Amino acid sequence: MHKYLKAIGFGNYTKQKEIKQLLDMVYENPDTVDATSVGSEVFVSMCKDFGEDFGLYIFGEYDDLDRFQIEYYYPYVTNEFSQCTFPGTIQRHADKFAYSVMCDDYHLGISLIYYLRNTTDYIRYAQKFEKSHGYFSLNLSALSTHGKILLPTLKTDKDRKKSKILSRQRASLIESAKNGDAEAIENLTIEDIDLYNMATKRILSEDLYSIVDTSFIPTGVECDHYSVIGEILACKEVKNRITGDTLYSMSIESNDLTFQLLINQKNLLGVPEVGRRFKGEIWLQGMINFPE
């Protein structure tokens, strides 16, 4: 069973027979089918929505007897909001015909790694342009199996504007530091010392989550999993058409990174509302908008 099936409402599908029935449902009546060839092999991807903007994806190929052999499957959630363009490098997984993307997002100060959803689009792009790196715009989304809702921090419009300006300035410093700018490295070091001193003083009289507004931190051994705290920009309830489970679909902003998050109501502690914050672990996915 895929760990994140519960995020799209199939948490009760734990037996192999039930999983097979679910995958057969996708194969027999897919919403979209896409195929591409790699040498003499033809790879096929199929996906089926089981609710508003979420569903299940299968990937495989036909054997010599024209039977479809599933190589892997995974749940997904879509996002119509396009992120800014980041430089990215795409690499194939060692055990299957799937890809992850690593891009430098200077707002985070780390390399952002996510699971590529549109594999067949990338294969065609790589064959045409013979490269696996470049500047891409993308649509980020995420699934979560557990999380909680935090109250918002007290911020005025002036505070929000100041925060965005400081974030852009820090991103510029990080970019300069990565290019070897000694002054930028020194300024970042001083900023980190000041931040540490401020947090040390405030923690004596304040709760941790009133000091830490948002965060985006890699977690676990899988490179596309993150522990996040982010502000809820939009939220709606959606239903799984098969199981009837209620899910929350939320637009989350964390460290100036915006993504669409899907989580089962059963696995979320608290009531999500615009302005409140989500805290939990996510599996980050992305769809790259490849040039024609």
C-alpha atoms as a PDB file:
ATOM      1  CA  MET A   1       0.000   0.000   0.000  1.00  0.00           C
ATOM      2  CA  HIS A   2       1.245   3.494  -0.817  1.00  0.00           C
ATOM      3  CA  LYS A   3       1.611   5.465   2.420  1.00  0.00           C
ATOM      4  CA  TYR A   4      -0.217   8.510   1.049  1.00  0.00           C
ATOM      5  CA  LEU A   5      -3.358   6.716  -0.150  1.00  0.00           C
ATOM      6  CA  LYS A   6      -4.955   7.789   3.142  1.00  0.00           C
ATOM      7  CA  ALA A   7      -4.357  11.435   2.174  1.00  0.00           C
ATOM      8  CA  ILE A   8      -6.806  11.079  -0.753  1.00  0.00           C
ATOM      9  CA  GLY A   9      -9.371   9.071   1.228  1.00  0.00           C
ATOM     10  CA  PHE A  10      -8.287   5.454   0.678  1.00  0.00           C
ATOM     11  CA  GLY A  11      -6.871   4.782   4.129  1.00  0.00           C
ATOM     12  CA  ASN A  12      -9.022   1.663   4.529  1.00  0.00           C
ATOM     13  CA  TYR A  13      -7.589   0.097   1.363  1.00  0.00           C
ATOM     14  CA  THR A  14      -4.846  -1.962   3.018  1.00  0.00           C
ATOM     15  CA  LYS A  15      -5.185  -5.436   1.490  1.00  0.00           C
ATOM     16  CA  GLN A  16      -3.546  -6.384  -1.794  1.00  0.00           C
ATOM     17  CA  LYS A  17      -6.918  -7.350  -3.296  1.00  0.00           C
ATOM     18  CA  GLU A  18      -8.389  -3.938  -2.479  1.00  0.00           C
ATOM     19  CA  ILE A  19      -5.365  -2.128  -3.935  1.00  0.00           C
ATOM     20  CA  LYS A  20      -5.651  -4.190  -7.129  1.00  0.00           C
ATOM     21  CA  GLN A  21      -9.340  -3.275  -7.487  1.00  0.00           C
ATOM     22  CA  LEU A  22      -8.420   0.385  -7.110  1.00  0.00           C
ATOM     23  CA  LEU A  23      -5.684   0.187  -9.741  1.00  0.00           C
ATOM     24  CA  ASP A  24      -7.994  -1.735 -12.100  1.00  0.00           C
ATOM     25  CA  MET A  25     -10.486   1.105 -11.722  1.00  0.00           C
ATOM     26  CA  VAL A  26      -7.852   3.538 -12.998  1.00  0.00           C
ATOM     27  CA  TYR A  27      -6.773   1.244 -15.845  1.00  0.00           C
ATOM     28  CA  GLU A  28     -10.303   0.423 -17.051  1.00  0.00           C
ATOM     29  CA  ASN A  29     -11.641   3.978 -16.957  1.00  0.00           C
ATOM     30  CA  PRO A  30      -8.806   6.566 -16.890  1.00  0.00           C
ATOM     31  CA  ASP A  31      -9.452  10.295 -17.251  1.00  0.00           C
ATOM     32  CA  THR A  32      -6.224  10.827 -19.167  1.00  0.00           C
ATOM     33  CA  VAL A  33      -3.778   8.517 -20.939  1.00  0.00           C
ATOM     34  CA  ASP A  34      -0.322   9.514 -22.132  1.00  0.00           C
ATOM     35  CA  ALA A  35       2.347   7.390 -23.822  1.00  0.00           C
ATOM     36  CA  THR A  36       5.906   7.930 -24.932  1.00  0.00           C
ATOM     37  CA  SER A  37       8.684   5.702 -26.242  1.00  0.00           C
ATOM     38  CA  VAL A  38      12.201   5.198 -24.958  1.00  0.00           C
ATOM     39  CA  GLY A  39      14.098   3.140 -27.509  1.00  0.00           C
ATOM     40  CA  SER A  40      12.020   0.060 -28.227  1.00  0.00           C
ATOM     41  CA  GLU A  41       9.951   0.437 -25.029  1.00  0.00           C
ATOM     42  CA  VAL A  42       6.663   2.338 -24.823  1.00  0.00           C
ATOM     43  CA  PHE A  43       5.773   3.727 -21.418  1.00  0.00           C
ATOM     44  CA  VAL A  44       2.180   4.623 -20.577  1.00  0.00           C
ATOM     45  CA  SER A  45       0.811   6.817 -17.806  1.00  0.00           C
ATOM     46  CA  MET A  46      -2.837   6.870 -16.762  1.00  0.00           C
ATOM     47  CA  CYS A  47      -4.585   8.904 -14.116  1.00  0.00           C
ATOM     48  CA  LYS A  48      -8.071   9.103 -12.710  1.00  0.00           C
ATOM     49  CA  ASP A  49      -9.635  11.752 -10.487  1.00  0.00           C
ATOM     50  CA  PHE A  50     -11.497  10.498  -7.434  1.00  0.00           C
ATOM     51  CA  GLY A  51     -12.593  13.965  -6.393  1.00  0.00           C
ATOM     52  CA  GLU A  52     -11.964  17.619  -7.106  1.00  0.00           C
ATOM     53  CA  ASP A  53      -8.327  17.974  -8.248  1.00  0.00           C
ATOM     54  CA  PHE A  54      -7.010  14.733  -6.749  1.00  0.00           C
ATOM     55  CA  GLY A  55      -6.733  11.113  -7.755  1.00  0.00           C
ATOM     56  CA  LEU A  56      -4.470   8.191  -8.550  1.00  0.00           C
ATOM     57  CA  TYR A  57      -1.720   7.811 -11.128  1.00  0.00           C
ATOM     58  CA  ILE A  58      -0.369   4.542 -12.609  1.00  0.00           C
ATOM     59  CA  PHE A  59       2.698   4.092 -14.805  1.00  0.00           C
ATOM     60  CA  GLY A  60       3.850   1.029 -16.741  1.00  0.00           C
ATOM     61  CA  GLU A  61       4.122  -0.670 -20.109  1.00  0.00           C
ATOM     62  CA  TYR A  62       2.470  -3.405 -22.193  1.00  0.00           C
ATOM     63  CA  ASP A  63       4.128  -6.818 -22.368  1.00  0.00           C
ATOM     64  CA  ASP A  64       4.458  -9.107 -25.409  1.00  0.00           C
ATOM     65  CA  LEU A  65       0.926 -10.415 -24.819  1.00  0.00           C
ATOM     66  CA  ASP A  66      -0.457  -6.862 -24.824  1.00  0.00           C
ATOM     67  CA  ARG A  67      -1.126  -6.945 -21.094  1.00  0.00           C
ATOM     68  CA  PHE A  68      -0.512  -3.743 -19.144  1.00  0.00           C
ATOM     69  CA  GLN A  69       2.113  -4.199 -16.430  1.00  0.00           C
ATOM     70  CA  ILE A  70       2.036  -1.543 -13.715  1.00  0.00           C
ATOM     71  CA  GLU A  71       5.519  -0.487 -12.631  1.00  0.00           C
ATOM     72  CA  TYR A  72       4.346   1.865  -9.882  1.00  0.00           C
ATOM     73  CA  TYR A  73       1.421   4.006  -8.739  1.00  0.00           C
ATOM     74  CA  TYR A  74       0.948   7.005  -6.485  1.00  0.00           C
ATOM     75  CA  PRO A  75      -1.775   9.455  -5.357  1.00  0.00           C
ATOM     76  CA  TYR A  76      -1.649  13.059  -6.506  1.00  0.00           C
ATOM     77  CA  VAL A  77      -3.219  16.470  -6.004  1.00  0.00           C
ATOM     78  CA  THR A  78      -3.124  19.182  -8.662  1.00  0.00           C
ATOM     79  CA  ASN A  79      -2.404  22.883  -8.313  1.00  0.00           C
ATOM     80  CA  GLU A  80      -3.301  25.539 -10.879  1.00  0.00           C
ATOM     81  CA  PHE A  81      -1.075  28.181  -9.271  1.00  0.00           C
ATOM     82  CA  SER A  82       2.239  28.460 -11.132  1.00  0.00           C
ATOM     83  CA  GLN A  83       5.362  29.120  -9.072  1.00  0.00           C
ATOM     84  CA  CYS A  84       8.194  31.385 -10.077  1.00  0.00           C
ATOM     85  CA  THR A  85      10.896  29.962 -12.310  1.00  0.00           C
ATOM     86  CA  PHE A  86      13.734  28.156 -10.545  1.00  0.00           C
ATOM     87  CA  PRO A  87      16.871  26.575 -12.007  1.00  0.00           C
ATOM     88  CA  GLY A  88      16.341  22.833 -11.738  1.00  0.00           C
ATOM     89  CA  THR A  89      18.045  19.500 -12.361  1.00  0.00           C
ATOM     90  CA  ILE A  90      16.018  16.357 -13.049  1.00  0.00           C
ATOM     91  CA  GLN A  91      17.303  12.908 -12.131  1.00  0.00           C
ATOM     92  CA  ARG A  92      15.795   9.449 -12.510  1.00  0.00           C
ATOM     93  CA  HIS A  93      15.188   7.181  -9.516  1.00  0.00           C
ATOM     94  CA  ALA A  94      17.427   4.131  -9.345  1.00  0.00           C
ATOM     95  CA  ASP A  95      14.660   1.543  -8.903  1.00  0.00           C
ATOM     96  CA  LYS A  96      11.954   2.717 -11.321  1.00  0.00           C
ATOM     97  CA  PHE A  97      11.144   4.986 -14.252  1.00  0.00           C
ATOM     98  CA  ALA A  98      10.323   7.952 -12.040  1.00  0.00           C
ATOM     99  CA  TYR A  99      12.052  11.292 -11.541  1.00  0.00           C
ATOM    100  CA  SER A 100      12.820  13.840  -8.852  1.00  0.00           C
ATOM    101  CA  VAL A 101      13.713  17.484  -9.389  1.00  0.00           C
ATOM    102  CA  MET A 102      16.240  19.525  -7.421  1.00  0.00           C
ATOM    103  CA  CYS A 103      16.137  23.297  -7.727  1.00  0.00           C
ATOM    104  CA  ASP A 104      17.797  26.174  -5.910  1.00  0.00           C
ATOM    105  CA  ASP A 105      15.164  28.278  -4.178  1.00  0.00           C
ATOM    106  CA  TYR A 106      17.020  31.066  -2.440  1.00  0.00           C
ATOM    107  CA  HIS A 107      13.984  31.966  -0.322  1.00  0.00           C
ATOM    108  CA  LEU A 108      14.445  28.671   1.519  1.00  0.00           C
ATOM    109  CA  GLY A 109      18.223  28.706   1.607  1.00  0.00           C
ATOM    110  CA  ILE A 110      18.252  25.015   0.657  1.00  0.00           C
ATOM    111  CA  SER A 111      17.905  22.951  -2.493  1.00  0.00           C
ATOM    112  CA  LEU A 112      14.218  22.202  -2.986  1.00  0.00           C
ATOM    113  CA  ILE A 113      13.595  18.587  -4.050  1.00  0.00           C
ATOM    114  CA  TYR A 114      10.230  17.293  -5.201  1.00  0.00           C
ATOM    115  CA  TYR A 115       8.675  14.317  -6.996  1.00  0.00           C
ATOM    116  CA  LEU A 116       7.985  14.932 -10.695  1.00  0.00           C
ATOM    117  CA  ARG A 117       4.380  14.185 -11.665  1.00  0.00           C
ATOM    118  CA  ASN A 118       4.447  14.584 -15.462  1.00  0.00           C
ATOM    119  CA  THR A 119       7.066  11.944 -16.270  1.00  0.00           C
ATOM    120  CA  THR A 120       6.070  11.374 -19.900  1.00  0.00           C
ATOM    121  CA  ASP A 121       6.195  15.125 -20.631  1.00  0.00           C
ATOM    122  CA  TYR A 122       9.761  15.206 -19.341  1.00  0.00           C
ATOM    123  CA  ILE A 123      10.826  12.154 -21.372  1.00  0.00           C
ATOM    124  CA  ARG A 124       9.626  13.828 -24.581  1.00  0.00           C
ATOM    125  CA  TYR A 125      11.280  17.110 -23.583  1.00  0.00           C
ATOM    126  CA  ALA A 126      14.614  15.427 -22.790  1.00  0.00           C
ATOM    127  CA  GLN A 127      14.579  13.528 -26.093  1.00  0.00           C
ATOM    128  CA  LYS A 128      13.866  16.704 -28.039  1.00  0.00           C
ATOM    129  CA  PHE A 129      16.282  19.066 -26.285  1.00  0.00           C
ATOM    130  CA  GLU A 130      18.766  16.500 -24.904  1.00  0.00           C
ATOM    131  CA  LYS A 131      19.115  18.114 -21.492  1.00  0.00           C
ATOM    132  CA  SER A 132      17.824  17.558 -17.962  1.00  0.00           C
ATOM    133  CA  HIS A 133      18.342  21.005 -16.464  1.00  0.00           C
ATOM    134  CA  GLY A 134      17.160  24.540 -17.069  1.00  0.00           C
ATOM    135  CA  TYR A 135      14.796  27.222 -15.864  1.00  0.00           C
ATOM    136  CA  PHE A 136      11.278  25.877 -15.398  1.00  0.00           C
ATOM    137  CA  SER A 137       8.023  27.246 -14.038  1.00  0.00           C
ATOM    138  CA  LEU A 138       6.183  24.701 -11.956  1.00  0.00           C
ATOM    139  CA  ASN A 139       3.039  23.892 -10.035  1.00  0.00           C
ATOM    140  CA  LEU A 140       3.745  22.548  -6.555  1.00  0.00           C
ATOM    141  CA  SER A 141       1.380  20.359  -4.544  1.00  0.00           C
ATOM    142  CA  ALA A 142       1.680  18.143  -1.490  1.00  0.00           C
ATOM    143  CA  LEU A 143       0.004  15.327   0.414  1.00  0.00           C
ATOM    144  CA  SER A 144       0.025  14.870   4.167  1.00  0.00           C
ATOM    145  CA  THR A 145      -0.936  11.981   6.428  1.00  0.00           C
ATOM    146  CA  HIS A 146      -1.006  13.958   9.681  1.00  0.00           C
ATOM    147  CA  GLY A 147      -1.005  17.582  10.760  1.00  0.00           C
ATOM    148  CA  LYS A 148      -2.447  20.161  13.111  1.00  0.00           C
ATOM    149  CA  ILE A 149      -3.809  23.685  12.914  1.00  0.00           C
ATOM    150  CA  LEU A 150      -2.053  26.537  14.714  1.00  0.00           C
ATOM    151  CA  LEU A 151      -3.447  29.968  15.478  1.00  0.00           C
ATOM    152  CA  PRO A 152      -1.962  32.855  13.467  1.00  0.00           C
ATOM    153  CA  THR A 153       0.724  35.177  14.784  1.00  0.00           C
ATOM    154  CA  LEU A 154      -0.220  38.802  15.351  1.00  0.00           C
ATOM    155  CA  LYS A 155       0.914  40.730  12.252  1.00  0.00           C
ATOM    156  CA  THR A 156      -0.135  44.033  10.744  1.00  0.00           C
ATOM    157  CA  ASP A 157      -0.070  44.817   7.026  1.00  0.00           C
ATOM    158  CA  LYS A 158       3.098  46.819   7.685  1.00  0.00           C
ATOM    159  CA  ASP A 159       4.696  43.763   9.307  1.00  0.00           C
ATOM    160  CA  ARG A 160       3.777  41.598   6.309  1.00  0.00           C
ATOM    161  CA  LYS A 161       5.284  44.048   3.818  1.00  0.00           C
ATOM    162  CA  LYS A 162       8.447  44.356   5.902  1.00  0.00           C
ATOM    163  CA  SER A 163       8.715  40.562   6.124  1.00  0.00           C
ATOM    164  CA  LYS A 164       8.505  40.177   2.336  1.00  0.00           C
ATOM    165  CA  ILE A 165      11.149  42.859   1.779  1.00  0.00           C
ATOM    166  CA  LEU A 166      13.511  41.190   4.265  1.00  0.00           C
ATOM    167  CA  SER A 167      12.856  37.812   2.637  1.00  0.00           C
ATOM    168  CA  ARG A 168      13.793  39.134  -0.804  1.00  0.00           C
ATOM    169  CA  GLN A 169      16.912  40.775   0.613  1.00  0.00           C
ATOM    170  CA  ARG A 170      17.959  37.543   2.318  1.00  0.00           C
ATOM    171  CA  ALA A 171      17.356  35.561  -0.891  1.00  0.00           C
ATOM    172  CA  SER A 172      19.608  37.982  -2.748  1.00  0.00           C
ATOM    173  CA  LEU A 173      22.309  37.615  -0.069  1.00  0.00           C
ATOM    174  CA  ILE A 174      22.150  33.818  -0.219  1.00  0.00           C
ATOM    175  CA  GLU A 175      22.500  33.900  -3.996  1.00  0.00           C
ATOM    176  CA  SER A 176      25.514  36.200  -3.722  1.00  0.00           C
ATOM    177  CA  ALA A 177      27.039  34.028  -0.984  1.00  0.00           C
ATOM    178  CA  LYS A 178      26.730  30.933  -3.161  1.00  0.00           C
ATOM    179  CA  ASN A 179      28.658  32.818  -5.835  1.00  0.00           C
ATOM    180  CA  GLY A 180      31.494  33.478  -3.377  1.00  0.00           C
ATOM    181  CA  ASP A 181      30.674  37.027  -2.222  1.00  0.00           C
ATOM    182  CA  ALA A 182      32.564  37.383   1.091  1.00  0.00           C
ATOM    183  CA  GLU A 183      30.539  40.427   2.190  1.00  0.00           C
ATOM    184  CA  ALA A 184      27.253  38.573   1.648  1.00  0.00           C
ATOM    185  CA  ILE A 185      28.551  35.623   3.698  1.00  0.00           C
ATOM    186  CA  GLU A 186      29.522  37.991   6.522  1.00  0.00           C
ATOM    187  CA  ASN A 187      26.114  39.735   6.441  1.00  0.00           C
ATOM    188  CA  LEU A 188      24.290  36.380   6.575  1.00  0.00           C
ATOM    189  CA  THR A 189      26.417  35.311   9.543  1.00  0.00           C
ATOM    190  CA  ILE A 190      25.593  38.516  11.412  1.00  0.00           C
ATOM    191  CA  GLU A 191      21.886  38.091  10.614  1.00  0.00           C
ATOM    192  CA  ASP A 192      21.926  34.530  11.968  1.00  0.00           C
ATOM    193  CA  ILE A 193      23.626  35.662  15.197  1.00  0.00           C
ATOM    194  CA  ASP A 194      21.079  38.460  15.674  1.00  0.00           C
ATOM    195  CA  LEU A 195      18.217  36.050  14.969  1.00  0.00           C
ATOM    196  CA  TYR A 196      19.566  33.547  17.493  1.00  0.00           C
ATOM    197  CA  ASN A 197      19.912  36.234  20.171  1.00  0.00           C
ATOM    198  CA  MET A 198      16.387  37.513  19.524  1.00  0.00           C
ATOM    199  CA  ALA A 199      14.883  34.010  19.695  1.00  0.00           C
ATOM    200  CA  THR A 200      16.823  33.178  22.880  1.00  0.00           C
ATOM    201  CA  LYS A 201      15.386  36.234  24.648  1.00  0.00           C
ATOM    202  CA  ARG A 202      11.799  35.789  23.419  1.00  0.00           C
ATOM    203  CA  ILE A 203      11.590  32.070  24.194  1.00  0.00           C
ATOM    204  CA  LEU A 204      11.768  32.903  27.905  1.00  0.00           C
ATOM    205  CA  SER A 205       8.350  34.571  27.825  1.00  0.00           C
ATOM    206  CA  GLU A 206       6.706  33.423  24.576  1.00  0.00           C
ATOM    207  CA  ASP A 207       5.544  30.211  22.980  1.00  0.00           C
ATOM    208  CA  LEU A 208       7.817  28.774  20.268  1.00  0.00           C
ATOM    209  CA  TYR A 209       5.151  29.038  17.549  1.00  0.00           C
ATOM    210  CA  SER A 210       4.614  32.740  18.202  1.00  0.00           C
ATOM    211  CA  ILE A 211       8.293  33.258  17.356  1.00  0.00           C
ATOM    212  CA  VAL A 212       8.505  30.820  14.421  1.00  0.00           C
ATOM    213  CA  ASP A 213       5.942  32.112  11.944  1.00  0.00           C
ATOM    214  CA  THR A 214       6.659  29.668   9.090  1.00  0.00           C
ATOM    215  CA  SER A 215       9.253  26.983   8.425  1.00  0.00           C
ATOM    216  CA  PHE A 216      10.178  24.555   5.644  1.00  0.00           C
ATOM    217  CA  ILE A 217      12.626  21.843   6.741  1.00  0.00           C
ATOM    218  CA  PRO A 218      13.631  18.512   5.131  1.00  0.00           C
ATOM    219  CA  THR A 219      12.630  15.562   7.298  1.00  0.00           C
ATOM    220  CA  GLY A 220      13.329  11.830   7.321  1.00  0.00           C
ATOM    221  CA  VAL A 221      15.484   9.902   4.876  1.00  0.00           C
ATOM    222  CA  GLU A 222      13.406  10.662   1.765  1.00  0.00           C
ATOM    223  CA  CYS A 223      14.584  13.845   0.092  1.00  0.00           C
ATOM    224  CA  ASP A 224      11.125  15.079  -1.036  1.00  0.00           C
ATOM    225  CA  HIS A 225       9.577  14.979   2.458  1.00  0.00           C
ATOM    226  CA  TYR A 226       9.400  18.137   4.561  1.00  0.00           C
ATOM    227  CA  SER A 227       8.231  19.342   7.941  1.00  0.00           C
ATOM    228  CA  VAL A 228       6.410  22.628   7.383  1.00  0.00           C
ATOM    229  CA  ILE A 229       4.603  25.420   9.135  1.00  0.00           C
ATOM    230  CA  GLY A 230       2.692  27.617   6.717  1.00  0.00           C
ATOM    231  CA  GLU A 231      -0.124  30.121   6.521  1.00  0.00           C
ATOM    232  CA  ILE A 232      -3.437  28.986   5.035  1.00  0.00           C
ATOM    233  CA  LEU A 233      -4.314  31.268   2.100  1.00  0.00           C
ATOM    234  CA  ALA A 234      -7.423  29.335   0.978  1.00  0.00           C
ATOM    235  CA  CYS A 235      -9.258  26.248   2.181  1.00  0.00           C
ATOM    236  CA  LYS A 236     -12.152  24.081   1.010  1.00  0.00           C
ATOM    237  CA  GLU A 237     -13.662  20.688   1.770  1.00  0.00           C
ATOM    238  CA  VAL A 238     -13.652  18.057  -0.979  1.00  0.00           C
ATOM    239  CA  LYS A 239     -15.081  14.528  -1.061  1.00  0.00           C
ATOM    240  CA  ASN A 240     -13.680  11.221  -2.235  1.00  0.00           C
ATOM    241  CA  ARG A 241     -16.369   9.922  -4.616  1.00  0.00           C
ATOM    242  CA  ILE A 242     -15.659   6.261  -3.777  1.00  0.00           C
ATOM    243  CA  THR A 243     -15.219   6.237   0.014  1.00  0.00           C
ATOM    244  CA  GLY A 244     -17.103   9.427   0.898  1.00  0.00           C
ATOM    245  CA  ASP A 245     -14.180  10.656   3.051  1.00  0.00           C
ATOM    246  CA  THR A 246     -13.983  14.395   3.627  1.00  0.00           C
ATOM    247  CA  LEU A 247     -10.636  15.958   2.735  1.00  0.00           C
ATOM    248  CA  TYR A 248      -9.226  19.443   3.189  1.00  0.00           C
ATOM    249  CA  SER A 249      -7.642  21.101   0.168  1.00  0.00           C
ATOM    250  CA  MET A 250      -5.586  24.102   1.287  1.00  0.00           C
ATOM    251  CA  SER A 251      -3.327  26.646  -0.370  1.00  0.00           C
ATOM    252  CA  ILE A 252      -0.324  27.007   1.931  1.00  0.00           C
ATOM    253  CA  GLU A 253       2.376  29.675   1.951  1.00  0.00           C
ATOM    254  CA  SER A 254       5.590  28.792   3.764  1.00  0.00           C
ATOM    255  CA  ASN A 255       8.788  30.832   3.452  1.00  0.00           C
ATOM    256  CA  ASP A 256       7.394  32.538   0.311  1.00  0.00           C
ATOM    257  CA  LEU A 257       6.735  29.125  -1.291  1.00  0.00           C
ATOM    258  CA  THR A 258       3.097  28.407  -2.199  1.00  0.00           C
ATOM    259  CA  PHE A 259       1.683  24.918  -2.751  1.00  0.00           C
ATOM    260  CA  GLN A 260      -1.649  23.077  -2.694  1.00  0.00           C
ATOM    261  CA  LEU A 261      -1.999  20.660   0.224  1.00  0.00           C
ATOM    262  CA  LEU A 262      -4.443  17.764   0.567  1.00  0.00           C
ATOM    263  CA  ILE A 263      -5.076  15.992   3.868  1.00  0.00           C
ATOM    264  CA  ASN A 264      -7.804  13.702   5.183  1.00  0.00           C
ATOM    265  CA  GLN A 265     -10.072  15.304   7.771  1.00  0.00           C
ATOM    266  CA  LYS A 266      -9.441  12.271  10.015  1.00  0.00           C
ATOM    267  CA  ASN A 267      -5.714  13.018  10.097  1.00  0.00           C
ATOM    268  CA  LEU A 268      -5.935  16.742  10.860  1.00  0.00           C
ATOM    269  CA  LEU A 269      -6.150  18.104  14.407  1.00  0.00           C
ATOM    270  CA  GLY A 270      -8.086  21.365  14.486  1.00  0.00           C
ATOM    271  CA  VAL A 271     -10.253  23.320  12.067  1.00  0.00           C
ATOM    272  CA  PRO A 272      -8.484  24.966   9.100  1.00  0.00           C
ATOM    273  CA  GLU A 273      -9.446  28.544   8.252  1.00  0.00           C
ATOM    274  CA  VAL A 274      -7.853  31.281   6.164  1.00  0.00           C
ATOM    275  CA  GLY A 275      -5.224  33.076   8.244  1.00  0.00           C
ATOM    276  CA  ARG A 276      -4.532  30.135  10.526  1.00  0.00           C
ATOM    277  CA  ARG A 277      -1.437  27.980  10.090  1.00  0.00           C
ATOM    278  CA  PHE A 278      -0.857  24.351   9.153  1.00  0.00           C
ATOM    279  CA  LYS A 279       1.885  22.329  10.840  1.00  0.00           C
ATOM    280  CA  GLY A 280       2.779  18.842   9.640  1.00  0.00           C
ATOM    281  CA  GLU A 281       4.862  16.630   7.390  1.00  0.00           C
ATOM    282  CA  ILE A 282       4.286  16.641   3.630  1.00  0.00           C
ATOM    283  CA  TRP A 283       5.299  14.754   0.496  1.00  0.00           C
ATOM    284  CA  LEU A 284       6.080  17.420  -2.103  1.00  0.00           C
ATOM    285  CA  GLN A 285       5.112  16.908  -5.755  1.00  0.00           C
ATOM    286  CA  GLY A 286       5.550  19.155  -8.759  1.00  0.00           C
ATOM    287  CA  MET A 287       4.412  19.475 -12.355  1.00  0.00           C
ATOM    288  CA  ILE A 288       6.875  21.292 -14.599  1.00  0.00           C
ATOM    289  CA  ASN A 289       5.582  23.424 -17.444  1.00  0.00           C
ATOM    290  CA  PHE A 290       8.011  22.263 -20.139  1.00  0.00           C
ATOM    291  CA  PRO A 291       8.446  24.439 -23.251  1.00  0.00           C
ATOM    292  CA  GLU A 292       7.134  22.985 -26.497  1.00  0.00           C
END
